[in-house]
N, C-alpha and C. Protein backbone atom coordinates (compact mmCIF):
# COMPACT_ATOMS: atom_id res chain seq x y z
N MET A 1 123.14 100.74 93.84
CA MET A 1 122.04 99.83 93.59
C MET A 1 120.82 100.64 93.21
N LYS A 2 120.03 100.08 92.31
CA LYS A 2 118.81 100.75 91.88
C LYS A 2 117.64 99.77 92.00
N ILE A 3 116.54 100.28 92.55
CA ILE A 3 115.30 99.51 92.66
C ILE A 3 114.25 100.20 91.80
N LEU A 4 113.54 99.42 91.01
CA LEU A 4 112.49 99.96 90.17
C LEU A 4 111.14 99.40 90.62
N ALA A 5 110.24 100.30 91.02
CA ALA A 5 108.87 99.92 91.36
C ALA A 5 108.07 99.88 90.06
N VAL A 6 107.34 98.80 89.86
CA VAL A 6 106.66 98.58 88.58
C VAL A 6 105.18 98.33 88.82
N CYS A 7 104.36 98.92 87.92
CA CYS A 7 102.93 98.59 87.89
C CYS A 7 102.49 98.53 86.44
N GLY A 8 101.24 98.28 86.20
CA GLY A 8 100.75 98.12 84.84
C GLY A 8 100.83 99.37 84.00
N SER A 9 100.52 100.52 84.60
CA SER A 9 100.49 101.76 83.83
C SER A 9 101.69 102.67 84.09
N GLY A 10 102.41 102.46 85.17
CA GLY A 10 103.58 103.28 85.49
C GLY A 10 103.24 104.63 86.07
N LEU A 11 102.04 104.79 86.54
CA LEU A 11 101.63 106.09 87.07
C LEU A 11 101.43 106.00 88.59
N GLY A 12 100.20 105.92 89.03
CA GLY A 12 99.90 106.02 90.45
C GLY A 12 100.42 104.91 91.32
N SER A 13 100.16 103.68 90.96
CA SER A 13 100.53 102.55 91.82
C SER A 13 102.04 102.41 91.96
N SER A 14 102.75 102.51 90.86
CA SER A 14 104.20 102.36 90.94
C SER A 14 104.84 103.56 91.65
N PHE A 15 104.26 104.73 91.48
CA PHE A 15 104.77 105.91 92.18
C PHE A 15 104.54 105.77 93.69
N MET A 16 103.36 105.29 94.07
CA MET A 16 103.09 105.07 95.50
C MET A 16 104.04 104.01 96.06
N LEU A 17 104.26 102.95 95.29
CA LEU A 17 105.18 101.91 95.74
C LEU A 17 106.60 102.46 95.85
N GLU A 18 107.01 103.30 94.92
CA GLU A 18 108.33 103.93 95.00
C GLU A 18 108.47 104.71 96.31
N MET A 19 107.45 105.50 96.63
CA MET A 19 107.50 106.29 97.88
C MET A 19 107.54 105.38 99.10
N ASN A 20 106.77 104.29 99.06
CA ASN A 20 106.76 103.36 100.19
C ASN A 20 108.11 102.65 100.35
N VAL A 21 108.74 102.30 99.24
CA VAL A 21 110.07 101.69 99.31
C VAL A 21 111.08 102.68 99.88
N GLN A 22 110.99 103.93 99.43
CA GLN A 22 111.90 104.96 99.96
C GLN A 22 111.70 105.13 101.47
N GLN A 23 110.45 105.08 101.91
CA GLN A 23 110.16 105.21 103.34
C GLN A 23 110.74 104.03 104.13
N VAL A 24 110.58 102.83 103.60
CA VAL A 24 111.12 101.64 104.26
C VAL A 24 112.64 101.72 104.33
N LEU A 25 113.27 102.12 103.23
CA LEU A 25 114.74 102.25 103.24
C LEU A 25 115.19 103.27 104.28
N ALA A 26 114.45 104.37 104.40
CA ALA A 26 114.78 105.39 105.41
C ALA A 26 114.63 104.82 106.81
N GLU A 27 113.55 104.06 107.04
CA GLU A 27 113.33 103.44 108.35
C GLU A 27 114.45 102.46 108.70
N LEU A 28 114.97 101.80 107.68
CA LEU A 28 116.06 100.84 107.90
C LEU A 28 117.42 101.53 107.97
N GLY A 29 117.44 102.83 107.71
CA GLY A 29 118.69 103.58 107.75
C GLY A 29 119.60 103.31 106.57
N ILE A 30 119.00 102.91 105.46
CA ILE A 30 119.77 102.57 104.26
C ILE A 30 119.80 103.77 103.32
N THR A 31 121.00 104.16 102.91
CA THR A 31 121.15 105.24 101.95
C THR A 31 121.92 104.72 100.74
N GLY A 32 121.89 105.50 99.68
CA GLY A 32 122.67 105.14 98.49
C GLY A 32 121.95 104.19 97.55
N ILE A 33 120.68 103.94 97.79
CA ILE A 33 119.90 103.11 96.86
C ILE A 33 118.94 104.02 96.13
N GLU A 34 119.02 104.02 94.81
CA GLU A 34 118.14 104.83 93.98
C GLU A 34 116.84 104.06 93.75
N VAL A 35 115.73 104.75 93.92
CA VAL A 35 114.42 104.12 93.70
C VAL A 35 113.65 104.96 92.68
N SER A 36 113.09 104.31 91.68
CA SER A 36 112.26 105.00 90.71
C SER A 36 111.09 104.08 90.35
N HIS A 37 110.26 104.53 89.40
CA HIS A 37 109.09 103.73 89.04
C HIS A 37 108.90 103.72 87.52
N SER A 38 108.15 102.71 87.07
CA SER A 38 107.93 102.53 85.63
C SER A 38 106.72 101.65 85.41
N ASP A 39 106.26 101.64 84.16
CA ASP A 39 105.22 100.68 83.78
C ASP A 39 105.88 99.38 83.32
N LEU A 40 105.13 98.32 83.37
CA LEU A 40 105.67 97.00 83.06
C LEU A 40 106.18 96.89 81.63
N SER A 41 105.46 97.45 80.67
CA SER A 41 105.86 97.29 79.27
C SER A 41 107.15 98.06 78.94
N SER A 42 107.47 99.11 79.70
CA SER A 42 108.69 99.89 79.45
C SER A 42 109.89 99.37 80.23
N ALA A 43 109.68 98.61 81.29
CA ALA A 43 110.78 98.15 82.15
C ALA A 43 111.64 97.12 81.42
N THR A 44 112.96 97.30 81.54
CA THR A 44 113.91 96.34 80.96
C THR A 44 114.87 95.88 82.06
N PRO A 45 115.54 94.76 81.87
CA PRO A 45 116.49 94.27 82.90
C PRO A 45 117.59 95.27 83.20
N ASP A 46 117.92 96.15 82.26
CA ASP A 46 118.97 97.14 82.48
C ASP A 46 118.52 98.33 83.32
N ASP A 47 117.23 98.43 83.57
CA ASP A 47 116.71 99.59 84.30
C ASP A 47 117.03 99.57 85.79
N ALA A 48 117.28 98.39 86.36
CA ALA A 48 117.50 98.32 87.81
C ALA A 48 118.18 97.02 88.18
N ASP A 49 118.66 96.98 89.41
CA ASP A 49 119.25 95.75 89.95
C ASP A 49 118.19 94.87 90.58
N LEU A 50 117.11 95.51 90.98
CA LEU A 50 116.05 94.82 91.70
C LEU A 50 114.72 95.47 91.33
N PHE A 51 113.72 94.64 91.11
CA PHE A 51 112.39 95.14 90.73
C PHE A 51 111.41 94.76 91.82
N ILE A 52 110.41 95.62 92.04
CA ILE A 52 109.40 95.32 93.05
C ILE A 52 108.03 95.65 92.46
N ALA A 53 107.08 94.77 92.68
CA ALA A 53 105.74 94.96 92.13
C ALA A 53 104.73 94.14 92.93
N ALA A 54 103.47 94.49 92.76
CA ALA A 54 102.40 93.73 93.39
C ALA A 54 102.17 92.44 92.62
N LYS A 55 101.58 91.49 93.30
CA LYS A 55 101.42 90.15 92.74
C LYS A 55 100.54 90.10 91.49
N ASP A 56 99.70 91.11 91.26
CA ASP A 56 98.80 91.07 90.11
C ASP A 56 99.53 91.15 88.77
N ILE A 57 100.76 91.68 88.75
CA ILE A 57 101.50 91.73 87.48
C ILE A 57 102.77 90.88 87.52
N ALA A 58 102.95 90.13 88.58
CA ALA A 58 104.19 89.37 88.77
C ALA A 58 104.44 88.37 87.64
N ASP A 59 103.40 87.79 87.10
CA ASP A 59 103.59 86.80 86.04
C ASP A 59 104.22 87.40 84.78
N GLY A 60 104.07 88.69 84.59
CA GLY A 60 104.63 89.34 83.41
C GLY A 60 106.01 89.92 83.62
N MET A 61 106.65 89.60 84.75
CA MET A 61 107.93 90.22 85.09
C MET A 61 109.12 89.27 85.02
N HIS A 62 108.93 88.06 84.54
CA HIS A 62 110.01 87.08 84.55
C HIS A 62 111.22 87.52 83.72
N HIS A 63 110.99 88.36 82.72
CA HIS A 63 112.09 88.79 81.85
C HIS A 63 113.00 89.83 82.50
N LEU A 64 112.60 90.36 83.66
CA LEU A 64 113.34 91.47 84.26
C LEU A 64 114.50 91.04 85.13
N GLY A 65 114.46 89.86 85.69
CA GLY A 65 115.52 89.44 86.60
C GLY A 65 114.96 89.28 88.00
N GLU A 66 115.67 89.80 88.99
CA GLU A 66 115.26 89.61 90.38
C GLU A 66 114.07 90.53 90.71
N VAL A 67 112.98 89.91 91.12
CA VAL A 67 111.75 90.65 91.39
C VAL A 67 111.26 90.33 92.79
N ILE A 68 110.92 91.37 93.55
CA ILE A 68 110.25 91.20 94.83
C ILE A 68 108.76 91.35 94.55
N VAL A 69 108.00 90.33 94.89
CA VAL A 69 106.55 90.36 94.68
C VAL A 69 105.89 90.59 96.03
N ILE A 70 105.10 91.65 96.11
CA ILE A 70 104.43 91.97 97.36
C ILE A 70 102.93 91.74 97.21
N ASP A 71 102.27 91.54 98.34
CA ASP A 71 100.83 91.31 98.31
C ASP A 71 100.05 92.60 98.05
N SER A 72 100.54 93.71 98.62
CA SER A 72 99.82 94.98 98.49
C SER A 72 100.81 96.13 98.51
N ILE A 73 100.58 97.14 97.67
CA ILE A 73 101.50 98.28 97.62
C ILE A 73 101.35 99.19 98.83
N ILE A 74 100.31 98.99 99.63
CA ILE A 74 100.12 99.84 100.82
C ILE A 74 100.43 99.09 102.12
N ASP A 75 100.82 97.84 102.02
CA ASP A 75 101.17 97.05 103.20
C ASP A 75 102.64 97.31 103.55
N MET A 76 102.87 98.34 104.37
CA MET A 76 104.24 98.73 104.69
C MET A 76 105.01 97.61 105.39
N ASP A 77 104.34 96.87 106.26
CA ASP A 77 105.01 95.77 106.95
C ASP A 77 105.44 94.69 105.95
N GLY A 78 104.59 94.39 104.98
CA GLY A 78 104.91 93.39 103.97
C GLY A 78 106.06 93.84 103.08
N ILE A 79 106.02 95.11 102.68
CA ILE A 79 107.10 95.66 101.85
C ILE A 79 108.41 95.62 102.63
N LYS A 80 108.36 96.03 103.88
CA LYS A 80 109.57 96.07 104.70
C LYS A 80 110.15 94.67 104.89
N ALA A 81 109.30 93.70 105.18
CA ALA A 81 109.78 92.34 105.42
C ALA A 81 110.46 91.76 104.18
N LYS A 82 109.82 91.91 103.04
CA LYS A 82 110.40 91.32 101.81
C LYS A 82 111.64 92.07 101.36
N LEU A 83 111.62 93.39 101.48
CA LEU A 83 112.79 94.18 101.09
C LEU A 83 113.97 93.90 102.02
N GLN A 84 113.67 93.82 103.30
CA GLN A 84 114.72 93.54 104.29
C GLN A 84 115.35 92.17 104.03
N GLU A 85 114.54 91.18 103.71
CA GLU A 85 115.05 89.84 103.43
C GLU A 85 116.02 89.84 102.24
N VAL A 86 115.63 90.51 101.17
CA VAL A 86 116.48 90.54 99.97
C VAL A 86 117.76 91.34 100.23
N LEU A 87 117.64 92.46 100.94
CA LEU A 87 118.83 93.28 101.21
C LEU A 87 119.80 92.55 102.15
N GLN A 88 119.27 91.72 103.03
CA GLN A 88 120.14 90.90 103.88
C GLN A 88 120.85 89.84 103.04
N GLN A 89 120.14 89.23 102.12
CA GLN A 89 120.75 88.22 101.25
C GLN A 89 121.86 88.82 100.40
N LYS A 90 121.71 90.09 100.04
CA LYS A 90 122.72 90.76 99.22
C LYS A 90 123.84 91.35 100.07
N GLY A 91 123.72 91.26 101.37
CA GLY A 91 124.76 91.77 102.26
C GLY A 91 124.75 93.28 102.43
N ILE A 92 123.66 93.91 102.02
CA ILE A 92 123.55 95.37 102.15
C ILE A 92 123.22 95.75 103.59
N ILE A 93 122.43 94.92 104.26
CA ILE A 93 122.16 95.10 105.69
C ILE A 93 122.42 93.77 106.38
N SER A 94 122.62 93.86 107.69
CA SER A 94 122.88 92.62 108.43
C SER A 94 121.72 92.27 109.33
């Protein structure tokens, strides 16, 4: 499985979100999920199985497929809750 963190420019915000997603996955004891980052204009549906981004660019992400929309890229509890919910739905964690 691959998760792509997305922001408007593909630099700082998406990179920070990528690191935060990796930290959450480590806290949950989940391995084998690749996480990377990109800008919104370069992201395509083939780039990942799951996309994650802050709500400010969520309206521009409908073409990508399954998207986790978070309130803040630094809200670790919010990222963890939404990521955990989706991973449970996919049967990756119980």
